[in-house]
Amino acid sequence: MNSDFEMHVAGGDHRIAIFASGAGTNAENCIRYFRTHASIYVALIVTNKPTAGVIEVAERYGIPYMIQETWDDEGTELLLSRLAQHRISFILLAGFLSLVPNELIRKFTGRIINIHPALLPAFGGKGMYGKRVHAAVYAAGVGESGITIHEVDEEYDHGKILFQAKVAIDGQDTPASIEEKVRALEYAHLPAVVEKLLLTGRV
């Protein structure tokens, strides 16, 4: 990749904020992966839902969290202030369902990535998340699905693709089994991709 990531890899500690709207399984996987890491640390959880399971994950691991329901200028300024307070250098969207404000993207250019549970550019865009994605993949009758890790820009699921992993789908699969296969890819690859990006600037 080109990359803005290379510009930001300068040694030292990397403090990650994970944005999530749901149960936080990918967040927990990353927290566990980096718990004893020498230079990478999950320092903040951000959610847009006060009932999100990721809050329980944050509490279980003693990680600060904030609930950000408002994305107007005032809310964005509050978020940027909290990110600065926790010295966040990198943002991971892991099941985060709100469109990230443009101001945040500008402040963290090349330092925000998202994981999507399909092979973009197919099965992406507004409203395509979670079980909806797997149902659409199943309905389309395609022979494979997977994960995409990409840079975040001003559009849903649109930024530069950094990494993809694929899994075969056959006639015995259902939306639920496709979800299980894709989740296994998420768990297997996401922390390692984040680590490589932060340590080397590339995947």
N, C-alpha and C. Protein backbone atom coordinates (compact mmCIF):
# COMPACT_ATOMS: atom_id res chain seq x y z
N MET A 1 0.82 -1.20 0.00
CA MET A 1 0.00 0.00 0.00
C MET A 1 0.86 1.25 0.00
N ASN A 2 0.36 2.38 -0.20
CA ASN A 2 1.15 3.60 -0.40
C ASN A 2 1.77 4.11 0.86
N SER A 3 1.57 4.63 1.64
CA SER A 3 0.47 4.76 2.48
C SER A 3 0.58 5.83 3.50
N ASP A 4 -0.54 6.38 3.84
CA ASP A 4 -0.61 7.28 4.98
C ASP A 4 -0.19 6.55 6.25
N PHE A 5 -0.41 5.25 6.31
CA PHE A 5 0.00 4.50 7.50
C PHE A 5 1.51 4.58 7.68
N GLU A 6 2.25 4.50 6.59
CA GLU A 6 3.70 4.55 6.69
C GLU A 6 4.16 5.88 7.29
N MET A 7 3.40 6.95 7.02
CA MET A 7 3.76 8.26 7.54
C MET A 7 3.60 8.32 9.05
N HIS A 8 2.72 7.48 9.59
CA HIS A 8 2.41 7.57 11.01
C HIS A 8 3.11 6.51 11.85
N VAL A 9 3.85 5.60 11.23
CA VAL A 9 4.57 4.60 11.99
C VAL A 9 5.94 5.17 12.35
N ALA A 10 6.08 5.56 13.59
CA ALA A 10 7.32 6.23 13.99
C ALA A 10 7.86 5.67 15.29
N GLY A 11 7.50 4.43 15.58
CA GLY A 11 7.97 3.83 16.82
C GLY A 11 7.16 4.32 18.00
N GLY A 12 7.54 3.86 19.18
CA GLY A 12 6.82 4.26 20.38
C GLY A 12 5.52 3.51 20.54
N ASP A 13 4.72 3.97 21.50
CA ASP A 13 3.47 3.29 21.80
C ASP A 13 2.38 3.68 20.82
N HIS A 14 1.49 2.73 20.57
CA HIS A 14 0.32 2.95 19.73
C HIS A 14 -0.91 2.70 20.59
N ARG A 15 -1.69 3.74 20.79
CA ARG A 15 -2.87 3.65 21.64
C ARG A 15 -4.12 3.64 20.76
N ILE A 16 -4.86 2.56 20.81
CA ILE A 16 -5.99 2.31 19.91
C ILE A 16 -7.29 2.67 20.61
N ALA A 17 -8.19 3.30 19.85
CA ALA A 17 -9.59 3.41 20.25
C ALA A 17 -10.40 2.49 19.34
N ILE A 18 -11.22 1.65 19.93
CA ILE A 18 -12.10 0.77 19.15
C ILE A 18 -13.52 1.31 19.24
N PHE A 19 -14.13 1.54 18.07
CA PHE A 19 -15.51 2.00 17.98
C PHE A 19 -16.38 0.78 17.65
N ALA A 20 -17.41 0.54 18.43
CA ALA A 20 -18.28 -0.61 18.21
C ALA A 20 -19.70 -0.27 18.64
N SER A 21 -20.68 -0.89 17.97
CA SER A 21 -22.09 -0.64 18.28
C SER A 21 -22.79 -1.83 18.89
N GLY A 22 -22.16 -3.00 18.87
CA GLY A 22 -22.84 -4.21 19.29
C GLY A 22 -22.18 -4.92 20.44
N ALA A 23 -22.10 -6.24 20.32
CA ALA A 23 -21.62 -7.08 21.43
C ALA A 23 -20.15 -6.88 21.73
N GLY A 24 -19.38 -6.46 20.75
CA GLY A 24 -17.96 -6.18 20.99
C GLY A 24 -17.07 -7.40 20.95
N THR A 25 -17.45 -8.43 20.19
CA THR A 25 -16.62 -9.64 20.14
C THR A 25 -15.28 -9.37 19.48
N ASN A 26 -15.27 -8.59 18.40
CA ASN A 26 -13.99 -8.25 17.78
C ASN A 26 -13.18 -7.33 18.67
N ALA A 27 -13.84 -6.43 19.37
CA ALA A 27 -13.14 -5.57 20.32
C ALA A 27 -12.46 -6.42 21.39
N GLU A 28 -13.19 -7.37 21.93
CA GLU A 28 -12.61 -8.22 22.98
C GLU A 28 -11.44 -9.04 22.44
N ASN A 29 -11.58 -9.54 21.23
CA ASN A 29 -10.50 -10.31 20.63
C ASN A 29 -9.23 -9.46 20.51
N CYS A 30 -9.39 -8.21 20.10
CA CYS A 30 -8.24 -7.32 19.98
C CYS A 30 -7.67 -6.95 21.35
N ILE A 31 -8.55 -6.70 22.31
CA ILE A 31 -8.08 -6.38 23.66
C ILE A 31 -7.23 -7.52 24.19
N ARG A 32 -7.69 -8.73 24.04
CA ARG A 32 -6.94 -9.88 24.55
C ARG A 32 -5.62 -10.06 23.81
N TYR A 33 -5.65 -9.83 22.50
CA TYR A 33 -4.45 -10.00 21.68
C TYR A 33 -3.36 -9.02 22.11
N PHE A 34 -3.75 -7.79 22.44
CA PHE A 34 -2.77 -6.75 22.73
C PHE A 34 -2.52 -6.53 24.22
N ARG A 35 -3.11 -7.32 25.08
CA ARG A 35 -3.00 -7.08 26.52
C ARG A 35 -1.56 -7.07 27.02
N THR A 36 -0.73 -7.92 26.47
CA THR A 36 0.67 -7.99 26.91
C THR A 36 1.64 -7.50 25.83
N HIS A 37 1.13 -6.79 24.85
CA HIS A 37 1.97 -6.32 23.76
C HIS A 37 2.92 -5.23 24.26
N ALA A 38 4.10 -5.20 23.70
CA ALA A 38 5.12 -4.24 24.15
C ALA A 38 4.79 -2.80 23.79
N SER A 39 4.06 -2.57 22.70
CA SER A 39 3.89 -1.18 22.24
C SER A 39 2.50 -0.84 21.73
N ILE A 40 1.57 -1.81 21.72
CA ILE A 40 0.22 -1.56 21.23
C ILE A 40 -0.76 -1.83 22.35
N TYR A 41 -1.71 -0.91 22.55
CA TYR A 41 -2.62 -1.01 23.69
C TYR A 41 -3.99 -0.47 23.30
N VAL A 42 -5.04 -1.19 23.63
CA VAL A 42 -6.40 -0.68 23.46
C VAL A 42 -6.70 0.22 24.65
N ALA A 43 -6.81 1.52 24.38
CA ALA A 43 -6.88 2.51 25.46
C ALA A 43 -8.27 3.10 25.65
N LEU A 44 -9.19 2.90 24.69
CA LEU A 44 -10.51 3.51 24.79
C LEU A 44 -11.50 2.75 23.92
N ILE A 45 -12.72 2.59 24.43
CA ILE A 45 -13.83 2.05 23.66
C ILE A 45 -14.85 3.16 23.45
N VAL A 46 -15.33 3.30 22.23
CA VAL A 46 -16.36 4.29 21.90
C VAL A 46 -17.55 3.55 21.32
N THR A 47 -18.75 3.82 21.83
CA THR A 47 -19.96 3.23 21.27
C THR A 47 -21.01 4.30 21.09
N ASN A 48 -21.91 4.08 20.14
CA ASN A 48 -23.01 5.01 19.91
C ASN A 48 -24.31 4.50 20.53
N LYS A 49 -24.25 3.38 21.26
CA LYS A 49 -25.45 2.79 21.84
C LYS A 49 -25.25 2.54 23.34
N PRO A 50 -26.08 3.13 24.19
CA PRO A 50 -25.91 2.95 25.63
C PRO A 50 -26.18 1.53 26.11
N THR A 51 -26.80 0.69 25.27
CA THR A 51 -27.06 -0.70 25.65
C THR A 51 -26.11 -1.68 24.98
N ALA A 52 -25.10 -1.20 24.29
CA ALA A 52 -24.20 -2.07 23.53
C ALA A 52 -23.42 -3.00 24.46
N GLY A 53 -23.30 -4.25 24.05
CA GLY A 53 -22.55 -5.22 24.85
C GLY A 53 -21.09 -4.88 24.99
N VAL A 54 -20.56 -4.08 24.08
CA VAL A 54 -19.15 -3.72 24.15
C VAL A 54 -18.83 -2.93 25.43
N ILE A 55 -19.84 -2.30 26.03
CA ILE A 55 -19.62 -1.59 27.29
C ILE A 55 -19.23 -2.59 28.38
N GLU A 56 -19.91 -3.73 28.42
CA GLU A 56 -19.57 -4.77 29.38
C GLU A 56 -18.17 -5.29 29.14
N VAL A 57 -17.79 -5.42 27.86
CA VAL A 57 -16.42 -5.84 27.54
C VAL A 57 -15.41 -4.85 28.10
N ALA A 58 -15.65 -3.57 27.88
CA ALA A 58 -14.74 -2.53 28.38
C ALA A 58 -14.63 -2.60 29.90
N GLU A 59 -15.75 -2.76 30.57
CA GLU A 59 -15.73 -2.83 32.03
C GLU A 59 -14.98 -4.07 32.51
N ARG A 60 -15.17 -5.17 31.82
CA ARG A 60 -14.52 -6.42 32.23
C ARG A 60 -13.01 -6.31 32.18
N TYR A 61 -12.50 -5.56 31.21
CA TYR A 61 -11.05 -5.44 31.05
C TYR A 61 -10.50 -4.13 31.61
N GLY A 62 -11.35 -3.36 32.26
CA GLY A 62 -10.89 -2.13 32.87
C GLY A 62 -10.46 -1.06 31.89
N ILE A 63 -11.12 -1.02 30.73
CA ILE A 63 -10.77 -0.04 29.70
C ILE A 63 -11.79 1.09 29.70
N PRO A 64 -11.35 2.34 29.71
CA PRO A 64 -12.29 3.46 29.68
C PRO A 64 -13.18 3.39 28.44
N TYR A 65 -14.40 3.87 28.58
CA TYR A 65 -15.30 3.90 27.43
C TYR A 65 -16.12 5.18 27.46
N MET A 66 -16.64 5.54 26.30
CA MET A 66 -17.56 6.67 26.22
C MET A 66 -18.70 6.30 25.30
N ILE A 67 -19.88 6.81 25.63
CA ILE A 67 -21.08 6.62 24.81
C ILE A 67 -21.30 7.90 24.03
N GLN A 68 -21.23 7.80 22.72
CA GLN A 68 -21.31 8.97 21.83
C GLN A 68 -22.55 8.82 20.96
N GLU A 69 -23.67 9.37 21.42
CA GLU A 69 -24.91 9.26 20.66
C GLU A 69 -25.12 10.43 19.71
N THR A 70 -24.45 11.54 19.95
CA THR A 70 -24.65 12.76 19.16
C THR A 70 -23.43 13.01 18.29
N TRP A 71 -23.68 13.21 16.99
CA TRP A 71 -22.57 13.39 16.04
C TRP A 71 -22.62 14.77 15.39
N ASP A 72 -23.21 15.74 16.10
CA ASP A 72 -23.17 17.11 15.62
C ASP A 72 -21.80 17.71 15.95
N ASP A 73 -21.62 19.00 15.68
CA ASP A 73 -20.31 19.63 15.89
C ASP A 73 -19.89 19.54 17.36
N GLU A 74 -20.83 19.75 18.27
CA GLU A 74 -20.50 19.70 19.69
C GLU A 74 -20.09 18.30 20.11
N GLY A 75 -20.83 17.30 19.62
CA GLY A 75 -20.49 15.92 19.94
C GLY A 75 -19.15 15.51 19.38
N THR A 76 -18.87 15.97 18.16
CA THR A 76 -17.59 15.65 17.55
C THR A 76 -16.44 16.27 18.32
N GLU A 77 -16.62 17.51 18.76
CA GLU A 77 -15.57 18.16 19.56
C GLU A 77 -15.33 17.43 20.87
N LEU A 78 -16.40 16.95 21.49
CA LEU A 78 -16.26 16.18 22.72
C LEU A 78 -15.48 14.90 22.45
N LEU A 79 -15.82 14.23 21.36
CA LEU A 79 -15.12 13.00 21.00
C LEU A 79 -13.63 13.26 20.76
N LEU A 80 -13.32 14.30 19.99
CA LEU A 80 -11.92 14.61 19.72
C LEU A 80 -11.17 14.93 21.00
N SER A 81 -11.85 15.59 21.93
CA SER A 81 -11.23 15.90 23.22
C SER A 81 -10.90 14.63 23.99
N ARG A 82 -11.83 13.68 24.00
CA ARG A 82 -11.58 12.43 24.71
C ARG A 82 -10.47 11.62 24.05
N LEU A 83 -10.44 11.63 22.73
CA LEU A 83 -9.37 10.92 22.03
C LEU A 83 -8.02 11.52 22.36
N ALA A 84 -7.96 12.84 22.43
CA ALA A 84 -6.71 13.51 22.80
C ALA A 84 -6.35 13.21 24.25
N GLN A 85 -7.33 13.20 25.13
CA GLN A 85 -7.10 12.92 26.54
C GLN A 85 -6.45 11.55 26.74
N HIS A 86 -6.90 10.58 25.94
CA HIS A 86 -6.37 9.22 26.05
C HIS A 86 -5.21 8.97 25.09
N ARG A 87 -4.75 10.03 24.44
CA ARG A 87 -3.58 9.97 23.54
C ARG A 87 -3.75 8.89 22.47
N ILE A 88 -4.94 8.87 21.87
CA ILE A 88 -5.25 7.88 20.84
C ILE A 88 -4.50 8.22 19.56
N SER A 89 -3.85 7.22 18.99
CA SER A 89 -3.12 7.43 17.74
C SER A 89 -3.72 6.65 16.57
N PHE A 90 -4.69 5.79 16.85
CA PHE A 90 -5.22 4.90 15.81
C PHE A 90 -6.63 4.51 16.19
N ILE A 91 -7.54 4.45 15.21
CA ILE A 91 -8.94 4.12 15.46
C ILE A 91 -9.32 2.90 14.62
N LEU A 92 -9.96 1.94 15.28
CA LEU A 92 -10.47 0.75 14.62
C LEU A 92 -11.98 0.73 14.75
N LEU A 93 -12.68 0.68 13.63
CA LEU A 93 -14.13 0.48 13.64
C LEU A 93 -14.39 -1.01 13.52
N ALA A 94 -15.06 -1.56 14.52
CA ALA A 94 -15.32 -3.00 14.56
C ALA A 94 -16.79 -3.22 14.88
N GLY A 95 -17.62 -3.22 13.83
CA GLY A 95 -19.05 -3.31 14.05
C GLY A 95 -19.63 -1.99 14.51
N PHE A 96 -19.13 -0.90 13.96
CA PHE A 96 -19.62 0.43 14.31
C PHE A 96 -20.56 0.92 13.22
N LEU A 97 -21.80 1.30 13.59
CA LEU A 97 -22.85 1.50 12.61
C LEU A 97 -23.12 2.95 12.26
N SER A 98 -22.43 3.88 12.87
CA SER A 98 -22.60 5.29 12.52
C SER A 98 -21.54 5.72 11.51
N LEU A 99 -21.92 6.68 10.68
CA LEU A 99 -20.95 7.26 9.75
C LEU A 99 -20.03 8.18 10.53
N VAL A 100 -18.74 7.98 10.40
CA VAL A 100 -17.76 8.76 11.15
C VAL A 100 -17.75 10.20 10.64
N PRO A 101 -17.77 11.19 11.54
CA PRO A 101 -17.77 12.59 11.11
C PRO A 101 -16.54 12.94 10.28
N ASN A 102 -16.73 13.82 9.32
CA ASN A 102 -15.63 14.23 8.45
C ASN A 102 -14.47 14.83 9.23
N GLU A 103 -14.79 15.57 10.29
CA GLU A 103 -13.74 16.20 11.08
C GLU A 103 -12.83 15.16 11.72
N LEU A 104 -13.41 14.06 12.17
CA LEU A 104 -12.61 12.99 12.75
C LEU A 104 -11.72 12.35 11.69
N ILE A 105 -12.26 12.15 10.50
CA ILE A 105 -11.47 11.58 9.41
C ILE A 105 -10.30 12.49 9.06
N ARG A 106 -10.55 13.78 9.05
CA ARG A 106 -9.46 14.73 8.75
C ARG A 106 -8.38 14.70 9.83
N LYS A 107 -8.80 14.62 11.08
CA LYS A 107 -7.83 14.61 12.18
C LYS A 107 -7.02 13.32 12.22
N PHE A 108 -7.62 12.23 11.75
CA PHE A 108 -6.96 10.92 11.81
C PHE A 108 -6.75 10.34 10.41
N THR A 109 -6.39 11.18 9.47
CA THR A 109 -6.17 10.71 8.11
C THR A 109 -5.15 9.57 8.08
N GLY A 110 -5.54 8.47 7.45
CA GLY A 110 -4.65 7.32 7.37
C GLY A 110 -4.52 6.54 8.65
N ARG A 111 -5.34 6.86 9.65
CA ARG A 111 -5.24 6.18 10.94
C ARG A 111 -6.60 5.68 11.43
N ILE A 112 -7.54 5.49 10.51
CA ILE A 112 -8.83 4.89 10.84
C ILE A 112 -9.08 3.76 9.86
N ILE A 113 -9.34 2.56 10.39
CA ILE A 113 -9.69 1.44 9.53
C ILE A 113 -10.99 0.81 10.02
N ASN A 114 -11.62 0.08 9.13
CA ASN A 114 -12.87 -0.61 9.41
C ASN A 114 -12.76 -2.06 8.95
N ILE A 115 -13.44 -2.95 9.66
CA ILE A 115 -13.57 -4.32 9.19
C ILE A 115 -15.01 -4.54 8.77
N HIS A 116 -15.18 -5.08 7.56
CA HIS A 116 -16.51 -5.33 6.99
C HIS A 116 -16.65 -6.82 6.73
N PRO A 117 -17.83 -7.41 7.06
CA PRO A 117 -17.99 -8.86 6.96
C PRO A 117 -18.40 -9.35 5.58
N ALA A 118 -17.75 -8.87 4.55
CA ALA A 118 -17.97 -9.34 3.18
C ALA A 118 -16.80 -8.87 2.34
N LEU A 119 -16.79 -9.30 1.10
CA LEU A 119 -15.70 -8.94 0.20
C LEU A 119 -16.10 -7.70 -0.59
N LEU A 120 -15.75 -6.54 -0.05
CA LEU A 120 -16.03 -5.28 -0.74
C LEU A 120 -15.31 -5.25 -2.10
N PRO A 121 -15.88 -4.57 -3.09
CA PRO A 121 -17.00 -3.64 -2.99
C PRO A 121 -18.39 -4.27 -2.97
N ALA A 122 -18.50 -5.59 -3.09
CA ALA A 122 -19.81 -6.23 -3.03
C ALA A 122 -20.34 -6.22 -1.60
N PHE A 123 -21.64 -6.12 -1.47
CA PHE A 123 -22.33 -6.25 -0.19
C PHE A 123 -21.88 -5.22 0.85
N GLY A 124 -21.68 -4.00 0.37
CA GLY A 124 -21.31 -2.92 1.27
C GLY A 124 -22.25 -1.75 1.11
N GLY A 125 -21.99 -0.70 1.86
CA GLY A 125 -22.79 0.51 1.79
C GLY A 125 -23.72 0.68 2.97
N LYS A 126 -24.46 1.77 2.99
CA LYS A 126 -25.34 2.09 4.09
C LYS A 126 -26.37 0.99 4.30
N GLY A 127 -26.55 0.58 5.54
CA GLY A 127 -27.51 -0.45 5.88
C GLY A 127 -27.01 -1.87 5.73
N MET A 128 -25.80 -2.03 5.20
CA MET A 128 -25.24 -3.37 5.02
C MET A 128 -24.28 -3.66 6.17
N TYR A 129 -24.81 -4.33 7.18
CA TYR A 129 -24.00 -4.68 8.35
C TYR A 129 -24.57 -5.95 8.97
N GLY A 130 -23.70 -6.64 9.69
CA GLY A 130 -24.12 -7.80 10.48
C GLY A 130 -24.88 -8.85 9.68
N LYS A 131 -25.98 -9.30 10.24
CA LYS A 131 -26.75 -10.38 9.63
C LYS A 131 -27.32 -9.99 8.27
N ARG A 132 -27.54 -8.69 8.06
CA ARG A 132 -28.04 -8.25 6.76
C ARG A 132 -27.06 -8.60 5.65
N VAL A 133 -25.78 -8.45 5.93
CA VAL A 133 -24.76 -8.77 4.93
C VAL A 133 -24.80 -10.25 4.59
N HIS A 134 -24.83 -11.10 5.61
CA HIS A 134 -24.79 -12.54 5.37
C HIS A 134 -26.05 -13.03 4.67
N ALA A 135 -27.19 -12.42 4.99
CA ALA A 135 -28.43 -12.77 4.30
C ALA A 135 -28.36 -12.39 2.82
N ALA A 136 -27.75 -11.24 2.53
CA ALA A 136 -27.60 -10.80 1.15
C ALA A 136 -26.64 -11.69 0.38
N VAL A 137 -25.55 -12.09 1.03
CA VAL A 137 -24.60 -13.00 0.39
C VAL A 137 -25.28 -14.33 0.07
N TYR A 138 -26.05 -14.84 1.02
CA TYR A 138 -26.76 -16.10 0.83
C TYR A 138 -27.76 -15.97 -0.32
N ALA A 139 -28.53 -14.89 -0.34
CA ALA A 139 -29.54 -14.70 -1.37
C ALA A 139 -28.93 -14.57 -2.76
N ALA A 140 -27.73 -14.02 -2.83
CA ALA A 140 -27.07 -13.84 -4.12
C ALA A 140 -26.51 -15.13 -4.69
N GLY A 141 -26.37 -16.15 -3.85
CA GLY A 141 -25.88 -17.44 -4.32
C GLY A 141 -24.43 -17.44 -4.76
N VAL A 142 -23.61 -16.56 -4.19
CA VAL A 142 -22.20 -16.49 -4.58
C VAL A 142 -21.43 -17.65 -3.95
N GLY A 143 -20.27 -17.93 -4.49
CA GLY A 143 -19.49 -19.08 -4.04
C GLY A 143 -18.48 -18.78 -2.95
N GLU A 144 -18.38 -17.52 -2.54
CA GLU A 144 -17.43 -17.19 -1.48
C GLU A 144 -17.86 -15.91 -0.78
N SER A 145 -17.39 -15.76 0.43
CA SER A 145 -17.53 -14.51 1.16
C SER A 145 -16.24 -14.29 1.91
N GLY A 146 -16.24 -13.40 2.89
CA GLY A 146 -15.00 -13.16 3.61
C GLY A 146 -15.04 -11.87 4.39
N ILE A 147 -13.87 -11.31 4.61
CA ILE A 147 -13.75 -10.04 5.33
C ILE A 147 -12.92 -9.06 4.50
N THR A 148 -13.19 -7.80 4.73
CA THR A 148 -12.41 -6.72 4.13
C THR A 148 -12.01 -5.75 5.23
N ILE A 149 -10.74 -5.43 5.30
CA ILE A 149 -10.23 -4.39 6.19
C ILE A 149 -9.80 -3.24 5.30
N HIS A 150 -10.36 -2.05 5.56
CA HIS A 150 -10.12 -0.93 4.64
C HIS A 150 -9.98 0.37 5.41
N GLU A 151 -9.34 1.32 4.76
CA GLU A 151 -9.28 2.67 5.31
C GLU A 151 -10.67 3.28 5.31
N VAL A 152 -10.91 4.18 6.21
CA VAL A 152 -12.21 4.84 6.34
C VAL A 152 -12.15 6.21 5.69
N ASP A 153 -13.16 6.49 4.85
CA ASP A 153 -13.31 7.83 4.29
C ASP A 153 -14.74 8.32 4.56
N GLU A 154 -15.22 9.27 3.78
CA GLU A 154 -16.50 9.92 4.06
C GLU A 154 -17.70 9.08 3.66
N GLU A 155 -17.50 7.91 3.02
CA GLU A 155 -18.61 7.08 2.59
C GLU A 155 -18.56 5.73 3.31
N TYR A 156 -19.73 5.11 3.45
CA TYR A 156 -19.78 3.79 4.06
C TYR A 156 -19.01 2.78 3.21
N ASP A 157 -18.11 2.03 3.84
CA ASP A 157 -17.45 0.88 3.22
C ASP A 157 -16.77 1.24 1.90
N HIS A 158 -16.12 2.39 1.85
CA HIS A 158 -15.65 2.90 0.58
C HIS A 158 -14.14 3.08 0.50
N GLY A 159 -13.44 3.22 1.60
CA GLY A 159 -12.03 3.56 1.56
C GLY A 159 -11.15 2.46 0.98
N LYS A 160 -9.90 2.79 0.80
CA LYS A 160 -8.94 1.89 0.17
C LYS A 160 -8.87 0.54 0.89
N ILE A 161 -8.97 -0.53 0.13
CA ILE A 161 -8.90 -1.88 0.69
C ILE A 161 -7.46 -2.22 1.04
N LEU A 162 -7.25 -2.66 2.28
CA LEU A 162 -5.93 -3.01 2.77
C LEU A 162 -5.71 -4.51 2.84
N PHE A 163 -6.78 -5.25 3.13
CA PHE A 163 -6.64 -6.69 3.35
C PHE A 163 -7.98 -7.36 3.13
N GLN A 164 -7.94 -8.55 2.50
CA GLN A 164 -9.13 -9.39 2.39
C GLN A 164 -8.75 -10.84 2.65
N ALA A 165 -9.68 -11.57 3.25
CA ALA A 165 -9.54 -13.01 3.42
C ALA A 165 -10.87 -13.64 3.00
N LYS A 166 -10.80 -14.79 2.34
CA LYS A 166 -11.99 -15.40 1.74
C LYS A 166 -12.28 -16.75 2.36
N VAL A 167 -13.55 -17.14 2.25
CA VAL A 167 -13.99 -18.46 2.66
C VAL A 167 -15.02 -18.95 1.66
N ALA A 168 -14.97 -20.25 1.34
CA ALA A 168 -15.89 -20.82 0.36
C ALA A 168 -17.29 -20.98 0.96
N ILE A 169 -18.29 -20.82 0.10
CA ILE A 169 -19.69 -21.06 0.47
C ILE A 169 -20.22 -22.13 -0.46
N ASP A 170 -20.94 -23.10 0.11
CA ASP A 170 -21.51 -24.16 -0.72
C ASP A 170 -23.01 -24.26 -0.50
N GLY A 171 -23.62 -25.21 -1.15
CA GLY A 171 -25.06 -25.36 -1.10
C GLY A 171 -25.62 -25.73 0.25
N GLN A 172 -24.78 -26.16 1.14
CA GLN A 172 -25.23 -26.53 2.49
C GLN A 172 -25.25 -25.33 3.44
N ASP A 173 -24.68 -24.23 3.02
CA ASP A 173 -24.58 -23.08 3.91
C ASP A 173 -25.91 -22.35 4.05
N THR A 174 -26.05 -21.69 5.17
CA THR A 174 -27.18 -20.82 5.48
C THR A 174 -26.61 -19.46 5.87
N PRO A 175 -27.45 -18.44 6.00
CA PRO A 175 -26.92 -17.16 6.49
C PRO A 175 -26.19 -17.30 7.82
N ALA A 176 -26.70 -18.17 8.68
CA ALA A 176 -26.06 -18.35 9.99
C ALA A 176 -24.69 -19.00 9.86
N SER A 177 -24.58 -20.01 9.01
CA SER A 177 -23.28 -20.68 8.87
C SER A 177 -22.28 -19.79 8.14
N ILE A 178 -22.78 -18.96 7.21
CA ILE A 178 -21.89 -17.98 6.56
C ILE A 178 -21.36 -17.00 7.60
N GLU A 179 -22.23 -16.56 8.48
CA GLU A 179 -21.80 -15.65 9.55
C GLU A 179 -20.72 -16.29 10.41
N GLU A 180 -20.89 -17.56 10.75
CA GLU A 180 -19.89 -18.25 11.57
C GLU A 180 -18.54 -18.33 10.86
N LYS A 181 -18.58 -18.65 9.57
CA LYS A 181 -17.33 -18.74 8.80
C LYS A 181 -16.63 -17.38 8.74
N VAL A 182 -17.41 -16.33 8.51
CA VAL A 182 -16.82 -14.99 8.39
C VAL A 182 -16.29 -14.53 9.75
N ARG A 183 -17.02 -14.83 10.81
CA ARG A 183 -16.56 -14.43 12.14
C ARG A 183 -15.23 -15.10 12.47
N ALA A 184 -15.07 -16.34 12.07
CA ALA A 184 -13.80 -17.03 12.30
C ALA A 184 -12.65 -16.31 11.59
N LEU A 185 -12.90 -15.79 10.39
CA LEU A 185 -11.89 -15.02 9.68
C LEU A 185 -11.57 -13.72 10.43
N GLU A 186 -12.60 -13.08 10.95
CA GLU A 186 -12.39 -11.84 11.71
C GLU A 186 -11.46 -12.09 12.89
N TYR A 187 -11.79 -13.12 13.66
CA TYR A 187 -10.99 -13.42 14.84
C TYR A 187 -9.55 -13.79 14.47
N ALA A 188 -9.40 -14.52 13.37
CA ALA A 188 -8.08 -15.00 12.99
C ALA A 188 -7.18 -13.89 12.46
N HIS A 189 -7.77 -12.90 11.78
CA HIS A 189 -6.94 -11.94 11.03
C HIS A 189 -6.90 -10.53 11.59
N LEU A 190 -7.99 -10.05 12.18
CA LEU A 190 -8.04 -8.61 12.51
C LEU A 190 -6.91 -8.15 13.42
N PRO A 191 -6.68 -8.78 14.58
CA PRO A 191 -5.61 -8.26 15.44
C PRO A 191 -4.24 -8.27 14.77
N ALA A 192 -3.96 -9.33 14.02
CA ALA A 192 -2.66 -9.42 13.37
C ALA A 192 -2.49 -8.35 12.29
N VAL A 193 -3.57 -8.05 11.56
CA VAL A 193 -3.49 -6.99 10.54
C VAL A 193 -3.26 -5.65 11.20
N VAL A 194 -3.98 -5.37 12.28
CA VAL A 194 -3.77 -4.11 13.01
C VAL A 194 -2.32 -4.01 13.50
N GLU A 195 -1.83 -5.09 14.06
CA GLU A 195 -0.46 -5.10 14.57
C GLU A 195 0.54 -4.80 13.45
N LYS A 196 0.37 -5.45 12.32
CA LYS A 196 1.33 -5.24 11.23
C LYS A 196 1.25 -3.83 10.69
N LEU A 197 0.04 -3.30 10.59
CA LEU A 197 -0.11 -1.92 10.13
C LEU A 197 0.61 -0.94 11.05
N LEU A 198 0.43 -1.14 12.36
CA LEU A 198 1.02 -0.21 13.32
C LEU A 198 2.53 -0.35 13.42
N LEU A 199 3.03 -1.53 13.26
CA LEU A 199 4.46 -1.74 13.42
C LEU A 199 5.26 -1.51 12.15
N THR A 200 4.63 -1.74 10.99
CA THR A 200 5.35 -1.64 9.73
C THR A 200 4.75 -0.65 8.74
N GLY A 201 3.50 -0.25 8.95
CA GLY A 201 2.85 0.66 8.01
C GLY A 201 2.24 -0.02 6.80
N ARG A 202 2.26 -1.36 6.78
CA ARG A 202 1.72 -2.08 5.62
C ARG A 202 1.27 -3.46 6.05
N VAL A 203 0.46 -4.10 5.18
CA VAL A 203 0.04 -5.48 5.44
C VAL A 203 0.54 -6.36 4.31
